[in-house]
Structure formats: C-alpha cells, structure tokens
Amino acid sequence: MEDGDDTVVAPTITDVIRNLVSPSTLPHVILLGIASTSLYLLSASDSDSLFAIGIAGYIGLSIGYALTAWMQEMDIIHRFSHFEPIPKDTQFVEKIMRLFINIITSWISPILLGLIPFVLIAGFLNSDSGSEQVNYWAMALGGLFVVWSLAQGRALSTSLRIFVEGRAVRIASIHQTSRRFTSTTAHMSTIGIFAALTYWALVSGAKNAEDMGFLEKMGPVLFAIAAVCIQAILFKFTAERRVVDSERKDTAAFGFAWGLFMQIFVTWHLLSALRRFTDDGWGALLIVEEFLLMILTVIAAIWSLAKGTHNRGFRLFNKQNAVFWGLSFGIAYSGSIAMIAVLGSKLSGGAADAIGMSATIGIGHLITAGTMMWIHSWRIGQLSHWLDSARDEQEGDADVESNDDFSEPIEEENEVVETEPEWDIPPPVTEIEEIELVDLD
C-alpha cells in the first residue's frame, strides 16, 4: 500500500462508486453473492447444526469485513483484500489460473479475520448449552432488519440532503414572496406522473391487457391517486412550517428539490412493498431491482456517514475502506432478511407462506418509506438551520485553506542598511579672528 498524505480525506460519492466497481475490489461483490446464497441454504435446511453454522457465517463474515475496513492501513491486510492485476503479456491458460488465484487471494483478509468469531459462535450454538438458544440468536439477527431499514431511510435522506444542500447554498438567502401554491402543484403533479409511470412499467406493463380486469387496468391511476393523497396529507400537517421555508429564496429552492427527491424514493419504496406483498415470485427483474437498491443504500450510507463523521473529527470512513464497510453492511443486511424468512417457516411449522422472503422485504420497504416520510415532515420549517450551517462550514473551510496558504514561512530579503559612524567633529572656523595662535616655545 502506498503511503499517502497523512491527511485523511472524506470519500466523495464518486470515490464510493469508483471503489465498488474497481477491478481490485470487484471480487468481493462476487463473494457477497456466493456467501449470502450459501449461508441462506444452510440456514433454511432442516438441520439445527447447519442452521447454527448459517447464523455464525453471517455474523462472522460481517465482522471480518468490518475488521478489514478498520485495518485497511496495514500493508498485509490491504494486500490480501485487493485483486492484483495480471500482466497483459500472460498466456491465456496462465491468465485463467492467475485470475482464479488472485480472486481467492483477495478474499483472504475478510475470511481469516471473520474466522475467529465464526468458530466461536458456531461452536457455542452447536454445544449442549447453546443449542437451545439458536432461535434466539436468529431472532436477534433478524431483529436487526428493522435497524437496517431505519438506517436505510436515514442514509437516503441524508445523502439527498447533502446533494441538494451543496447546490442550494449558492442561492442568496434573501426574502421573497411565497409561491407555495405553485411549488405544491408542481410537486404533486411530478409525484403523480412518476407513480403512474413506474406502476405501469413494473407491474401492469408486462401483462396482457386482455387478461387484466378493470382494477388491474386502472392500477397506474389508482396508485398515482394514492401517492398524491399521501403528499396531500404531508402538506396538510406541515402547512404552517412550509410557510417559514418559503420566505427565503434559498430555503424555498432547497425545500422543493429535497422534498421532491425524498418523495420520489418514498413512492418507489411503497410500490416495491406493494409488489412484494402481492407477488411472492422472484423474477430476474426483482432480483436486479433489490440488488441495485442495496448498492444504492450502501453508497448512500457510506457517503453520509463519512461526511458527517469527518465534520465531527472522526476519521473511520475514508475512500480506501469505504467499500469494505459497505460489504459488512451488505452481509449483515442479507443475514437479517434470511433469518426472518427462515424463522417464519420454522416457527409456523413449515408453512412457508406464513412469512416469506418477499413479505419480509416488503416490510423493510414500508419501514424505509415511513422513516423517510418522518424525516421529511420533521425537518420542514427548519431548513434554514441546515443551509446556514453549511455556509458556515464552507466559510470555515475557505478560511482554513487561506490560512494554510499563508502558513508557510516566506523568506524575504531584508535590505541591509549601512549606518555611518558618528564622529564628534567641531564645526569649521570661518573667521580669522577666532583662530588662536599658540606659542610652542
């Protein structure tokens, strides 16, 4: 690992995305898919021992990735957690072999660091005293699903705020005439159109119109009306506070843009929850959608956490280890979903329809949408505090940079002023009368 500057810089959203798709860390995305699928199959088996191993695997690998992120500054951890590039002049057969070896090598750090907690937990849960607590451990891991869903809503809200805030601070904070009616109409129209289009594209668009009933055909319109009604309820209960935000030009622009982005994501989560509750099937589109949503959540979580912690002087998240923190979250998130789905089948006597994977994820979408709605409604009327704090932060950063520019010692050539010595010389005598002759005899 190359030694860089001692100053730890908070990762930007570009850094997080670049690290996720970087060839040096891309094998870990493969490991995430393989481990999540394998551990779920172990957990869903009828064997209690394999169920315990599945629980220990999720926890151990999540801890392994967290330790890999925390210890990323160590050369040996960095070396065995990144894919080493293959020389271009390598022959095809050797390139395939080195590709496989380098992928396995990049998995060594998280697997070995997670091996100790995995062995301890698996050994305890398979012992006589721990075997009776397997279901409680699964409930605890599954209960974290609520925490992850809440964190997902908060991360998306914070990342959207940071994104819009960086542009809104450039707008002058001058008072203006309120245009709430115009902004409300534009907001509701946009949400209604978005809801109708997404419902048609993801639900009714792929079906044959002849096989659909009247309510199914009216699905996009009904969902759009429901989404607009939710916005109307939000605006009704926050009407007085929205007046405060609309009095300033910057807060009005910020409130409209941030609120619109927030409610677009809320509408998307509500539609996803509806689809999970009404259809237990898992097609390729649903898997891709959930995977993209998880990646988006990881990016938002790492970016918002890094931004907030760096402002408070906490340097745990940086662009070198951001991807590994995200993978730790991804393993724990998939483990909590798996535990809820498996426990729903086990505790209901094998009735998988009691609570399945789709219903579990649907509940998560509702929790995330509710969290974003609560954050949005809670912050309406206080947007000026956000913008003023952001301006103060920018001015503080500018002052620090200007001080850094002048902090270097500047060598100036001082002119040496030569001073002539002062002699006590009497003034010259100009009159002959004043000259006294001295007789030397």
Foldseek 3Di string as FASTA:
>chain_A
DDDDDPDFDQDALVLQVCQCPPQFQVLVVVVLVVLLVVLLVQLLDPDLLSVQLSLLSLVLLLQLLLVLLQPVVDPVSVQQQTQDDDDPPDDDVVVVVSNVVSSNSNCVRSCVSSVVSSCVSSVQCPDPVNVVCSLVSLVVLLVCLLVLLLLLLVLVLLLLLVVLLVVLLVDDFAFDDFPVVVLLVVLLVVQLVLQLVVCCVPPVVPDDPVPDDPCSVCVSVVLSVVLSVVSVVLCVVCVVLLVLQRGTPSSVSSLSSSVSVLSSLLSVLLVLLVCLVVDVDDDPVNVVVVVVSLSVSLSSSLNSVSVVCVVVVHNSRGSSSSVSNSSSSSSSNSSSLSSVQSCQCVVVVRPSVSAHSSNSVSVSSNSSSVSSSVVSSVCRNVVVVVSVVVVVVVVVVVVVVVCVVPVDDDDDDDDDDDDDDDDPDDDDDDDPVVDDDDDPD
